[in-house]
Every structure is written in structure tokens, then in C-alpha cells.
Amino acid sequence: MLKQRFVFCFLILLGFGFNGYSQADKRDTTQFKGKKEKLSHQDLAKYHSPKKATIMSVIIPGAGQVYNKKYWKVPIVWGGIGVALYASQLNRDYYHEYRENYLLSLEGNYTGNETSLSLQSTMNYYRQMMETSYVIAGAVYLLQILDANVDAQLMSFDVSDDLSMDVIPKAIPNQYNPTPTMGLTLALKLK
């Protein structure tokens, strides 16, 4: 039953993510069709969908980063998840080995040098490390989804050279003193 629910949820997410253009994509994109030249940053941001980047990252880790054209992040995502899963499997193997030896020591059939208390302590250590590795893999997975969403939303963030700030001296009238108080006005110009 749980497997059927997972498949159902997966299909719903797949349908929402890849049903053509989303509402954000339906903005005026007709001007871009048929053009062969490279699109500017502002033009690219007009039809770049954060929803699509997020869903792609949920389905395949790193796919949202590829969609956002941040290719250098993909090896970091795959490496982080891969190293965490490798460490969890390695710790899992050690955990099962020490668990078997611990159970044998309780039955009196263990031939090694460790005491059952030492075996139990080591077994618990490897179980804790295995669980920590799973949590780290999950955290990297969730962070790459968040990263893809934030990168997609920041595609329209203006980083041009047209940003400027002026500092202007200003005389502010003072009602208690006939001489005006001197101050500064900060003016930020955005295109």
C-alpha cells in the first residue's frame, strides 16, 4: 500500500512539473521563438521556472542545477550524496559484523579477544555512524532542491552595472535653532 501511494505521488509530481509551460512560463515568450542568437540574462529570466527546477531536482538530484545552468554544482551534489551513502553502507557492514559477534558472545560461542561489553559499544558506535550518514545524505538531497529553487528565482536578479548610489549633502531645517542641521541623503538608483 505504501509503495502504491509513493508511485501515485510521484506521478502527480511528474504531471505538475512537466505539463508544458507553467503559468510563470506563459508570459510573453513568443518573442524568443525562432531566434538563434544567445538570449540575454533578462530574457532568460522571463521564462525560467523555479517550479520546474525544483521538481527536476526532486526527481533527479542535480537536474535542477543543470536546468539553472550551474553545471559546476552537479559533481558536488552527486559527490556529497555518494560519499554519505558509501559511508552509511560501510558502517552498516561493520555494524552487522559486530552485532553477529556480540550475539555470539552472549551465547558463549565467540572466540575473539573482545568482551561482550566492548562488542556492544562498538556495535552501537557503527549503528550511530550509519544513521548519521543517512541523515547527511538526506540533508544534501534537500539542500540541492532548495539550491535549485533559489537559483531559479534569482535568475531575474539584476546584477548589471547600471546600479548606482549617490551621497548628497543636505541642510535640514531645525525648528529650535535658526541654523539648519547638516545631513546626508543616500539615493540608490536601480536602472
N, C-alpha and C. Protein backbone atom coordinates (compact mmCIF):
# COMPACT_ATOMS: atom_id res chain seq x y z
N MET A 1 0.82 -1.19 0.00
CA MET A 1 0.00 0.00 0.00
C MET A 1 0.87 1.26 0.00
N LEU A 2 1.96 1.26 0.80
CA LEU A 2 2.84 2.40 0.86
C LEU A 2 3.55 2.62 -0.47
N LYS A 3 3.91 1.54 -1.14
CA LYS A 3 4.57 1.64 -2.43
C LYS A 3 3.62 2.24 -3.46
N GLN A 4 2.34 1.86 -3.41
CA GLN A 4 1.37 2.40 -4.35
C GLN A 4 1.16 3.89 -4.12
N ARG A 5 1.14 4.33 -2.86
CA ARG A 5 1.00 5.75 -2.57
C ARG A 5 2.21 6.54 -3.08
N PHE A 6 3.39 5.96 -2.90
CA PHE A 6 4.60 6.63 -3.38
C PHE A 6 4.56 6.80 -4.90
N VAL A 7 4.19 5.76 -5.61
CA VAL A 7 4.11 5.82 -7.07
C VAL A 7 3.05 6.84 -7.49
N PHE A 8 1.91 6.87 -6.80
CA PHE A 8 0.86 7.83 -7.12
C PHE A 8 1.34 9.26 -6.91
N CYS A 9 2.01 9.54 -5.79
CA CYS A 9 2.54 10.88 -5.52
C CYS A 9 3.60 11.26 -6.54
N PHE A 10 4.43 10.31 -6.91
CA PHE A 10 5.48 10.56 -7.91
C PHE A 10 4.86 10.95 -9.25
N LEU A 11 3.81 10.25 -9.66
CA LEU A 11 3.16 10.56 -10.93
C LEU A 11 2.47 11.91 -10.89
N ILE A 12 1.90 12.27 -9.75
CA ILE A 12 1.29 13.59 -9.63
C ILE A 12 2.34 14.68 -9.75
N LEU A 13 3.46 14.51 -9.04
CA LEU A 13 4.53 15.50 -9.13
C LEU A 13 5.08 15.59 -10.55
N LEU A 14 5.20 14.48 -11.19
CA LEU A 14 5.70 14.45 -12.56
C LEU A 14 4.75 15.20 -13.48
N GLY A 15 3.45 15.02 -13.28
CA GLY A 15 2.45 15.71 -14.09
C GLY A 15 2.47 17.21 -13.87
N PHE A 16 2.65 17.65 -12.61
CA PHE A 16 2.69 19.08 -12.34
C PHE A 16 3.95 19.71 -12.90
N GLY A 17 5.04 18.99 -12.89
CA GLY A 17 6.31 19.58 -13.29
C GLY A 17 6.53 19.67 -14.78
N PHE A 18 5.98 18.74 -15.53
CA PHE A 18 6.30 18.69 -16.95
C PHE A 18 5.06 18.74 -17.82
N ASN A 19 4.14 19.64 -17.52
CA ASN A 19 2.94 19.77 -18.34
C ASN A 19 3.09 20.93 -19.31
N GLY A 20 4.23 21.06 -19.93
CA GLY A 20 4.48 22.18 -20.81
C GLY A 20 4.98 23.35 -19.98
N TYR A 21 4.56 24.53 -20.37
CA TYR A 21 4.94 25.72 -19.61
C TYR A 21 4.01 25.91 -18.43
N SER A 22 4.56 26.34 -17.31
CA SER A 22 3.73 26.68 -16.15
C SER A 22 3.16 28.07 -16.36
N GLN A 23 2.37 28.56 -15.41
CA GLN A 23 1.79 29.90 -15.54
C GLN A 23 2.89 30.95 -15.63
N ALA A 24 3.97 30.75 -14.89
CA ALA A 24 5.07 31.72 -14.95
C ALA A 24 5.73 31.70 -16.31
N ASP A 25 5.70 30.56 -16.99
CA ASP A 25 6.32 30.44 -18.30
C ASP A 25 5.44 31.01 -19.40
N LYS A 26 4.14 31.20 -19.14
CA LYS A 26 3.22 31.64 -20.18
C LYS A 26 3.30 33.13 -20.42
N ARG A 27 4.21 33.81 -19.71
CA ARG A 27 4.41 35.22 -20.02
C ARG A 27 4.87 35.33 -21.46
N ASP A 28 4.98 36.46 -21.96
CA ASP A 28 5.25 36.68 -23.37
C ASP A 28 6.58 36.05 -23.80
N THR A 29 6.53 34.81 -24.26
CA THR A 29 7.73 34.12 -24.74
C THR A 29 7.72 33.98 -26.25
N THR A 30 6.69 34.54 -26.91
CA THR A 30 6.61 34.41 -28.37
C THR A 30 7.76 35.16 -29.03
N GLN A 31 8.28 36.18 -28.38
CA GLN A 31 9.37 36.93 -28.98
C GLN A 31 10.67 36.14 -29.06
N PHE A 32 10.77 35.04 -28.29
CA PHE A 32 12.01 34.26 -28.26
C PHE A 32 11.98 33.10 -29.24
N LYS A 33 10.81 32.74 -29.74
CA LYS A 33 10.72 31.58 -30.63
C LYS A 33 11.36 31.90 -31.97
N GLY A 34 12.15 30.98 -32.45
CA GLY A 34 12.76 31.12 -33.76
C GLY A 34 14.05 31.91 -33.75
N LYS A 35 14.45 32.48 -32.64
CA LYS A 35 15.69 33.24 -32.60
C LYS A 35 16.86 32.30 -32.34
N LYS A 36 17.92 32.52 -33.06
CA LYS A 36 19.09 31.66 -32.92
C LYS A 36 20.17 32.28 -32.04
N GLU A 37 20.14 33.62 -31.85
CA GLU A 37 21.20 34.25 -31.07
C GLU A 37 21.03 33.95 -29.59
N LYS A 38 22.08 34.21 -28.85
CA LYS A 38 22.07 33.92 -27.41
C LYS A 38 21.18 34.93 -26.70
N LEU A 39 20.36 34.42 -25.75
CA LEU A 39 19.45 35.28 -25.02
C LEU A 39 20.19 36.00 -23.90
N SER A 40 19.76 37.23 -23.60
CA SER A 40 20.37 37.97 -22.51
C SER A 40 19.89 37.41 -21.18
N HIS A 41 20.51 37.87 -20.11
CA HIS A 41 20.16 37.41 -18.77
C HIS A 41 18.71 37.74 -18.44
N GLN A 42 18.25 38.94 -18.81
CA GLN A 42 16.88 39.35 -18.53
C GLN A 42 15.89 38.53 -19.35
N ASP A 43 16.22 38.24 -20.62
CA ASP A 43 15.33 37.44 -21.45
C ASP A 43 15.21 36.02 -20.92
N LEU A 44 16.33 35.46 -20.48
CA LEU A 44 16.33 34.11 -19.94
C LEU A 44 15.49 34.03 -18.67
N ALA A 45 15.56 35.07 -17.84
CA ALA A 45 14.82 35.09 -16.58
C ALA A 45 13.32 35.19 -16.80
N LYS A 46 12.87 35.69 -17.95
CA LYS A 46 11.44 35.85 -18.20
C LYS A 46 10.72 34.51 -18.31
N TYR A 47 11.38 33.49 -18.80
CA TYR A 47 10.70 32.20 -18.95
C TYR A 47 11.38 31.08 -18.18
N HIS A 48 12.17 31.42 -17.19
CA HIS A 48 12.84 30.42 -16.34
C HIS A 48 11.93 30.10 -15.16
N SER A 49 11.58 28.85 -14.97
CA SER A 49 10.60 28.45 -13.97
C SER A 49 11.25 27.84 -12.73
N PRO A 50 11.08 28.46 -11.56
CA PRO A 50 11.57 27.87 -10.31
C PRO A 50 10.87 26.55 -9.99
N LYS A 51 9.60 26.44 -10.35
CA LYS A 51 8.84 25.21 -10.10
C LYS A 51 9.46 24.04 -10.86
N LYS A 52 9.80 24.29 -12.11
CA LYS A 52 10.39 23.22 -12.92
C LYS A 52 11.77 22.81 -12.38
N ALA A 53 12.56 23.79 -11.96
CA ALA A 53 13.88 23.49 -11.40
C ALA A 53 13.76 22.67 -10.13
N THR A 54 12.77 23.00 -9.30
CA THR A 54 12.57 22.27 -8.04
C THR A 54 12.14 20.84 -8.30
N ILE A 55 11.18 20.66 -9.19
CA ILE A 55 10.68 19.30 -9.46
C ILE A 55 11.75 18.45 -10.13
N MET A 56 12.55 19.05 -10.99
CA MET A 56 13.64 18.30 -11.62
C MET A 56 14.65 17.84 -10.57
N SER A 57 14.92 18.69 -9.57
CA SER A 57 15.86 18.32 -8.51
C SER A 57 15.29 17.25 -7.60
N VAL A 58 13.96 17.26 -7.42
CA VAL A 58 13.33 16.22 -6.60
C VAL A 58 13.47 14.87 -7.28
N ILE A 59 13.25 14.84 -8.59
CA ILE A 59 13.27 13.58 -9.33
C ILE A 59 14.69 13.06 -9.51
N ILE A 60 15.58 13.92 -9.99
CA ILE A 60 16.98 13.53 -10.21
C ILE A 60 17.87 14.56 -9.52
N PRO A 61 18.62 14.17 -8.49
CA PRO A 61 19.50 15.13 -7.83
C PRO A 61 20.49 15.74 -8.82
N GLY A 62 20.55 17.07 -8.83
CA GLY A 62 21.44 17.79 -9.72
C GLY A 62 20.79 18.25 -11.00
N ALA A 63 19.62 17.74 -11.34
CA ALA A 63 18.96 18.13 -12.58
C ALA A 63 18.50 19.59 -12.54
N GLY A 64 18.10 20.07 -11.38
CA GLY A 64 17.71 21.47 -11.24
C GLY A 64 18.90 22.39 -11.44
N GLN A 65 20.08 21.97 -11.00
CA GLN A 65 21.28 22.77 -11.21
C GLN A 65 21.63 22.82 -12.70
N VAL A 66 21.43 21.72 -13.40
CA VAL A 66 21.67 21.71 -14.85
C VAL A 66 20.68 22.64 -15.53
N TYR A 67 19.40 22.59 -15.13
CA TYR A 67 18.37 23.47 -15.69
C TYR A 67 18.72 24.94 -15.45
N ASN A 68 19.31 25.24 -14.31
CA ASN A 68 19.72 26.61 -13.99
C ASN A 68 21.05 26.99 -14.61
N LYS A 69 21.65 26.08 -15.34
CA LYS A 69 22.95 26.26 -15.98
C LYS A 69 24.08 26.50 -14.97
N LYS A 70 23.99 25.84 -13.83
CA LYS A 70 25.04 25.87 -12.81
C LYS A 70 25.68 24.48 -12.78
N TYR A 71 26.35 24.14 -13.87
CA TYR A 71 26.87 22.79 -14.07
C TYR A 71 27.91 22.41 -13.03
N TRP A 72 28.65 23.36 -12.52
CA TRP A 72 29.72 23.06 -11.58
C TRP A 72 29.20 22.51 -10.25
N LYS A 73 27.90 22.70 -9.97
CA LYS A 73 27.34 22.22 -8.71
C LYS A 73 26.97 20.73 -8.76
N VAL A 74 26.80 20.19 -9.94
CA VAL A 74 26.34 18.80 -10.07
C VAL A 74 27.33 17.81 -9.46
N PRO A 75 28.64 17.90 -9.73
CA PRO A 75 29.57 16.96 -9.08
C PRO A 75 29.58 17.09 -7.55
N ILE A 76 29.33 18.30 -7.05
CA ILE A 76 29.28 18.48 -5.59
C ILE A 76 28.08 17.75 -5.02
N VAL A 77 26.92 17.88 -5.70
CA VAL A 77 25.70 17.21 -5.24
C VAL A 77 25.88 15.70 -5.28
N TRP A 78 26.30 15.20 -6.42
CA TRP A 78 26.46 13.74 -6.56
C TRP A 78 27.54 13.22 -5.62
N GLY A 79 28.63 13.96 -5.49
CA GLY A 79 29.70 13.54 -4.59
C GLY A 79 29.25 13.51 -3.14
N GLY A 80 28.52 14.55 -2.72
CA GLY A 80 28.04 14.60 -1.34
C GLY A 80 27.10 13.45 -1.02
N ILE A 81 26.14 13.22 -1.90
CA ILE A 81 25.20 12.11 -1.67
C ILE A 81 25.92 10.77 -1.77
N GLY A 82 26.79 10.64 -2.74
CA GLY A 82 27.51 9.37 -2.94
C GLY A 82 28.42 9.02 -1.78
N VAL A 83 29.17 9.99 -1.29
CA VAL A 83 30.08 9.74 -0.16
C VAL A 83 29.28 9.38 1.09
N ALA A 84 28.17 10.09 1.32
CA ALA A 84 27.35 9.80 2.51
C ALA A 84 26.74 8.41 2.42
N LEU A 85 26.26 8.01 1.25
CA LEU A 85 25.68 6.67 1.11
C LEU A 85 26.75 5.59 1.20
N TYR A 86 27.94 5.85 0.65
CA TYR A 86 29.03 4.88 0.76
C TYR A 86 29.42 4.69 2.23
N ALA A 87 29.53 5.81 2.96
CA ALA A 87 29.89 5.73 4.38
C ALA A 87 28.81 4.98 5.16
N SER A 88 27.55 5.20 4.81
CA SER A 88 26.48 4.50 5.53
C SER A 88 26.53 3.00 5.27
N GLN A 89 26.82 2.59 4.05
CA GLN A 89 26.90 1.16 3.75
C GLN A 89 28.12 0.52 4.42
N LEU A 90 29.22 1.25 4.46
CA LEU A 90 30.42 0.74 5.12
C LEU A 90 30.16 0.56 6.63
N ASN A 91 29.55 1.57 7.23
CA ASN A 91 29.22 1.47 8.66
C ASN A 91 28.16 0.40 8.91
N ARG A 92 27.27 0.21 7.96
CA ARG A 92 26.25 -0.84 8.08
C ARG A 92 26.89 -2.23 8.11
N ASP A 93 27.88 -2.43 7.24
CA ASP A 93 28.58 -3.72 7.21
C ASP A 93 29.31 -3.97 8.54
N TYR A 94 30.01 -2.95 9.05
CA TYR A 94 30.68 -3.10 10.34
C TYR A 94 29.68 -3.34 11.47
N TYR A 95 28.56 -2.64 11.42
CA TYR A 95 27.53 -2.81 12.44
C TYR A 95 27.04 -4.26 12.46
N HIS A 96 26.75 -4.83 11.29
CA HIS A 96 26.26 -6.21 11.25
C HIS A 96 27.33 -7.21 11.70
N GLU A 97 28.59 -6.93 11.37
CA GLU A 97 29.68 -7.81 11.81
C GLU A 97 29.79 -7.82 13.34
N TYR A 98 29.80 -6.63 13.94
CA TYR A 98 29.91 -6.55 15.39
C TYR A 98 28.64 -7.04 16.08
N ARG A 99 27.50 -6.90 15.44
CA ARG A 99 26.25 -7.41 16.02
C ARG A 99 26.27 -8.93 16.09
N GLU A 100 26.76 -9.55 14.99
CA GLU A 100 26.87 -11.03 15.00
C GLU A 100 27.82 -11.49 16.10
N ASN A 101 28.97 -10.82 16.21
CA ASN A 101 29.94 -11.19 17.24
C ASN A 101 29.38 -10.97 18.65
N TYR A 102 28.61 -9.90 18.82
CA TYR A 102 28.00 -9.62 20.12
C TYR A 102 26.99 -10.71 20.49
N LEU A 103 26.16 -11.10 19.51
CA LEU A 103 25.18 -12.16 19.78
C LEU A 103 25.87 -13.49 20.07
N LEU A 104 26.97 -13.76 19.37
CA LEU A 104 27.74 -14.98 19.64
C LEU A 104 28.35 -14.94 21.05
N SER A 105 28.81 -13.74 21.46
CA SER A 105 29.41 -13.63 22.80
C SER A 105 28.36 -13.83 23.89
N LEU A 106 27.13 -13.43 23.63
CA LEU A 106 26.07 -13.64 24.62
C LEU A 106 25.73 -15.12 24.76
N GLU A 107 25.87 -15.86 23.63
CA GLU A 107 25.61 -17.30 23.66
C GLU A 107 26.80 -18.09 24.18
N GLY A 108 27.98 -17.44 24.24
CA GLY A 108 29.19 -18.12 24.71
C GLY A 108 29.96 -18.78 23.59
N ASN A 109 29.64 -18.50 22.32
CA ASN A 109 30.32 -19.12 21.18
C ASN A 109 31.33 -18.19 20.51
N TYR A 110 31.61 -17.05 21.04
CA TYR A 110 32.53 -16.09 20.44
C TYR A 110 33.96 -16.45 20.81
N THR A 111 34.86 -16.46 19.79
CA THR A 111 36.24 -16.87 20.03
C THR A 111 37.23 -15.71 19.99
N GLY A 112 36.75 -14.48 19.87
CA GLY A 112 37.64 -13.31 19.79
C GLY A 112 38.12 -12.86 21.15
N ASN A 113 38.90 -11.77 21.14
CA ASN A 113 39.50 -11.24 22.37
C ASN A 113 38.64 -10.20 23.07
N GLU A 114 37.65 -9.60 22.39
CA GLU A 114 36.85 -8.53 22.97
C GLU A 114 35.81 -9.09 23.94
N THR A 115 35.48 -8.26 24.90
CA THR A 115 34.41 -8.63 25.83
C THR A 115 33.06 -8.28 25.19
N SER A 116 31.99 -8.82 25.73
CA SER A 116 30.68 -8.53 25.15
C SER A 116 30.31 -7.06 25.34
N LEU A 117 30.79 -6.43 26.41
CA LEU A 117 30.54 -5.00 26.62
C LEU A 117 31.25 -4.16 25.56
N SER A 118 32.49 -4.56 25.24
CA SER A 118 33.25 -3.87 24.20
C SER A 118 32.59 -4.06 22.84
N LEU A 119 32.13 -5.28 22.55
CA LEU A 119 31.44 -5.54 21.29
C LEU A 119 30.15 -4.73 21.18
N GLN A 120 29.42 -4.64 22.28
CA GLN A 120 28.17 -3.88 22.27
C GLN A 120 28.44 -2.39 22.03
N SER A 121 29.47 -1.87 22.66
CA SER A 121 29.83 -0.46 22.50
C SER A 121 30.23 -0.16 21.05
N THR A 122 31.05 -1.03 20.46
CA THR A 122 31.48 -0.85 19.07
C THR A 122 30.30 -0.99 18.12
N MET A 123 29.41 -1.97 18.39
CA MET A 123 28.22 -2.16 17.57
C MET A 123 27.35 -0.89 17.59
N ASN A 124 27.15 -0.30 18.76
CA ASN A 124 26.34 0.92 18.88
C ASN A 124 26.99 2.11 18.17
N TYR A 125 28.32 2.17 18.22
CA TYR A 125 29.05 3.24 17.53
C TYR A 125 28.80 3.17 16.02
N TYR A 126 28.94 1.98 15.44
CA TYR A 126 28.75 1.85 13.99
C TYR A 126 27.29 2.06 13.59
N ARG A 127 26.35 1.70 14.46
CA ARG A 127 24.94 1.98 14.16
C ARG A 127 24.69 3.48 14.14
N GLN A 128 25.28 4.19 15.10
CA GLN A 128 25.13 5.64 15.16
C GLN A 128 25.76 6.30 13.93
N MET A 129 26.93 5.83 13.53
CA MET A 129 27.59 6.39 12.35
C MET A 129 26.80 6.10 11.07
N MET A 130 26.19 4.92 10.98
CA MET A 130 25.37 4.57 9.83
C MET A 130 24.16 5.50 9.73
N GLU A 131 23.49 5.73 10.85
CA GLU A 131 22.32 6.60 10.87
C GLU A 131 22.70 8.05 10.57
N THR A 132 23.83 8.49 11.07
CA THR A 132 24.30 9.84 10.79
C THR A 132 24.60 10.02 9.31
N SER A 133 25.17 9.00 8.69
CA SER A 133 25.46 9.08 7.26
C SER A 133 24.18 9.17 6.44
N TYR A 134 23.14 8.45 6.84
CA TYR A 134 21.86 8.56 6.15
C TYR A 134 21.27 9.97 6.30
N VAL A 135 21.39 10.54 7.47
CA VAL A 135 20.89 11.90 7.70
C VAL A 135 21.65 12.90 6.84
N ILE A 136 22.96 12.73 6.73
CA ILE A 136 23.77 13.64 5.91
C ILE A 136 23.38 13.51 4.44
N ALA A 137 23.16 12.29 3.95
CA ALA A 137 22.73 12.11 2.56
C ALA A 137 21.39 12.78 2.32
N GLY A 138 20.47 12.64 3.27
CA GLY A 138 19.17 13.30 3.14
C GLY A 138 19.29 14.82 3.17
N ALA A 139 20.18 15.33 4.01
CA ALA A 139 20.38 16.78 4.10
C ALA A 139 20.95 17.34 2.80
N VAL A 140 21.92 16.64 2.21
CA VAL A 140 22.48 17.08 0.93
C VAL A 140 21.41 17.06 -0.15
N TYR A 141 20.58 16.03 -0.15
CA TYR A 141 19.47 15.93 -1.12
C TYR A 141 18.52 17.11 -0.96
N LEU A 142 18.11 17.42 0.27
CA LEU A 142 17.18 18.53 0.49
C LEU A 142 17.83 19.88 0.17
N LEU A 143 19.10 20.05 0.50
CA LEU A 143 19.79 21.30 0.21
C LEU A 143 19.94 21.54 -1.29
N GLN A 144 20.14 20.48 -2.07
CA GLN A 144 20.26 20.69 -3.51
C GLN A 144 18.92 21.07 -4.12
N ILE A 145 17.81 20.59 -3.54
CA ILE A 145 16.48 21.01 -4.00
C ILE A 145 16.28 22.49 -3.69
N LEU A 146 16.62 22.90 -2.48
CA LEU A 146 16.50 24.30 -2.08
C LEU A 146 17.40 25.18 -2.94
N ASP A 147 18.61 24.73 -3.21
CA ASP A 147 19.55 25.49 -4.03
C ASP A 147 19.00 25.70 -5.44
N ALA A 148 18.43 24.66 -6.03
CA ALA A 148 17.88 24.78 -7.38
C ALA A 148 16.73 25.78 -7.41
N ASN A 149 15.89 25.75 -6.40
CA ASN A 149 14.75 26.68 -6.34
C ASN A 149 15.23 28.11 -6.19
N VAL A 150 16.16 28.35 -5.29
CA VAL A 150 16.65 29.71 -5.05
C VAL A 150 17.40 30.23 -6.28
N ASP A 151 18.23 29.41 -6.89
CA ASP A 151 18.93 29.83 -8.10
C ASP A 151 17.96 30.19 -9.22
N ALA A 152 16.90 29.42 -9.38
CA ALA A 152 15.93 29.71 -10.42
C ALA A 152 15.19 31.01 -10.14
N GLN A 153 14.90 31.28 -8.87
CA GLN A 153 14.21 32.52 -8.54
C GLN A 153 15.12 33.74 -8.69
N LEU A 154 16.41 33.55 -8.50
CA LEU A 154 17.35 34.67 -8.61
C LEU A 154 17.84 34.90 -10.04
N MET A 155 17.30 34.17 -11.00
CA MET A 155 17.71 34.39 -12.39
C MET A 155 17.36 35.81 -12.85
N SER A 156 16.30 36.39 -12.30
CA SER A 156 15.89 37.73 -12.71
C SER A 156 16.52 38.83 -11.85
N PHE A 157 17.38 38.47 -10.93
CA PHE A 157 18.03 39.46 -10.07
C PHE A 157 19.00 40.28 -10.88
N ASP A 158 18.87 41.59 -10.81
CA ASP A 158 19.68 42.49 -11.62
C ASP A 158 21.07 42.66 -11.02
N VAL A 159 22.09 42.29 -11.79
CA VAL A 159 23.47 42.46 -11.36
C VAL A 159 24.24 43.31 -12.36
N SER A 160 23.53 44.17 -13.08
CA SER A 160 24.17 44.98 -14.12
C SER A 160 24.96 46.13 -13.51
N ASP A 161 25.69 46.83 -14.37
CA ASP A 161 26.50 47.97 -13.94
C ASP A 161 25.67 49.24 -13.80
N ASP A 162 24.37 49.18 -14.10
CA ASP A 162 23.50 50.35 -14.04
C ASP A 162 23.10 50.70 -12.61
N LEU A 163 23.51 49.91 -11.63
CA LEU A 163 23.19 50.19 -10.25
C LEU A 163 24.15 51.26 -9.74
N SER A 164 23.62 52.29 -9.08
CA SER A 164 24.50 53.33 -8.54
C SER A 164 23.90 53.90 -7.26
N MET A 165 24.79 54.49 -6.46
CA MET A 165 24.35 55.11 -5.22
C MET A 165 25.04 56.47 -5.10
N ASP A 166 24.25 57.49 -4.79
CA ASP A 166 24.77 58.84 -4.61
C ASP A 166 24.63 59.26 -3.17
N VAL A 167 25.64 59.95 -2.66
CA VAL A 167 25.60 60.54 -1.33
C VAL A 167 25.53 62.06 -1.53
N ILE A 168 24.43 62.66 -1.10
CA ILE A 168 24.19 64.08 -1.35
C ILE A 168 24.09 64.79 0.00
N PRO A 169 24.90 65.84 0.21
CA PRO A 169 24.76 66.61 1.45
C PRO A 169 23.44 67.39 1.43
N LYS A 170 22.80 67.52 2.60
CA LYS A 170 21.52 68.19 2.66
C LYS A 170 21.42 68.99 3.95
N ALA A 171 20.82 70.18 3.84
CA ALA A 171 20.58 71.03 5.01
C ALA A 171 19.14 70.77 5.46
N ILE A 172 18.99 70.34 6.69
CA ILE A 172 17.67 70.01 7.23
C ILE A 172 17.25 71.15 8.16
N PRO A 173 16.09 71.75 7.90
CA PRO A 173 15.67 72.85 8.78
C PRO A 173 15.41 72.36 10.20
N ASN A 174 15.81 73.18 11.14
CA ASN A 174 15.66 72.85 12.56
C ASN A 174 14.72 73.86 13.19
N GLN A 175 13.66 73.43 13.83
CA GLN A 175 12.67 74.35 14.38
C GLN A 175 13.14 75.04 15.66
N TYR A 176 14.15 74.50 16.33
CA TYR A 176 14.62 75.08 17.58
C TYR A 176 15.84 75.98 17.40
N ASN A 177 16.47 75.89 16.25
CA ASN A 177 17.70 76.65 16.00
C ASN A 177 17.58 77.27 14.62
N PRO A 178 17.96 78.55 14.47
CA PRO A 178 17.84 79.17 13.15
C PRO A 178 18.82 78.59 12.12
N THR A 179 19.89 77.99 12.57
CA THR A 179 20.83 77.38 11.64
C THR A 179 20.37 75.96 11.31
N PRO A 180 20.36 75.59 10.01
CA PRO A 180 19.92 74.23 9.64
C PRO A 180 20.92 73.17 10.10
N THR A 181 20.42 71.99 10.33
CA THR A 181 21.26 70.85 10.68
C THR A 181 21.73 70.20 9.39
N MET A 182 23.01 69.86 9.37
CA MET A 182 23.56 69.24 8.15
C MET A 182 23.36 67.72 8.22
N GLY A 183 23.03 67.14 7.07
CA GLY A 183 22.81 65.70 6.99
C GLY A 183 23.20 65.18 5.62
N LEU A 184 23.01 63.90 5.42
CA LEU A 184 23.33 63.25 4.15
C LEU A 184 22.09 62.55 3.62
N THR A 185 21.92 62.58 2.31
CA THR A 185 20.86 61.83 1.65
C THR A 185 21.51 60.74 0.81
N LEU A 186 21.06 59.51 1.01
CA LEU A 186 21.55 58.39 0.20
C LEU A 186 20.51 58.09 -0.87
N ALA A 187 20.91 58.10 -2.12
CA ALA A 187 19.99 57.82 -3.21
C ALA A 187 20.50 56.61 -3.99
N LEU A 188 19.71 55.54 -4.01
CA LEU A 188 20.06 54.33 -4.74
C LEU A 188 19.27 54.29 -6.02
N LYS A 189 19.96 54.25 -7.16
CA LYS A 189 19.29 54.25 -8.46
C LYS A 189 19.36 52.86 -9.06
N LEU A 190 18.20 52.29 -9.36
CA LEU A 190 18.09 50.99 -9.99
C LEU A 190 17.54 51.18 -11.40
N LYS A 191 18.37 51.14 -12.36
CA LYS A 191 18.01 51.32 -13.77
C LYS A 191 17.04 52.42 -13.95
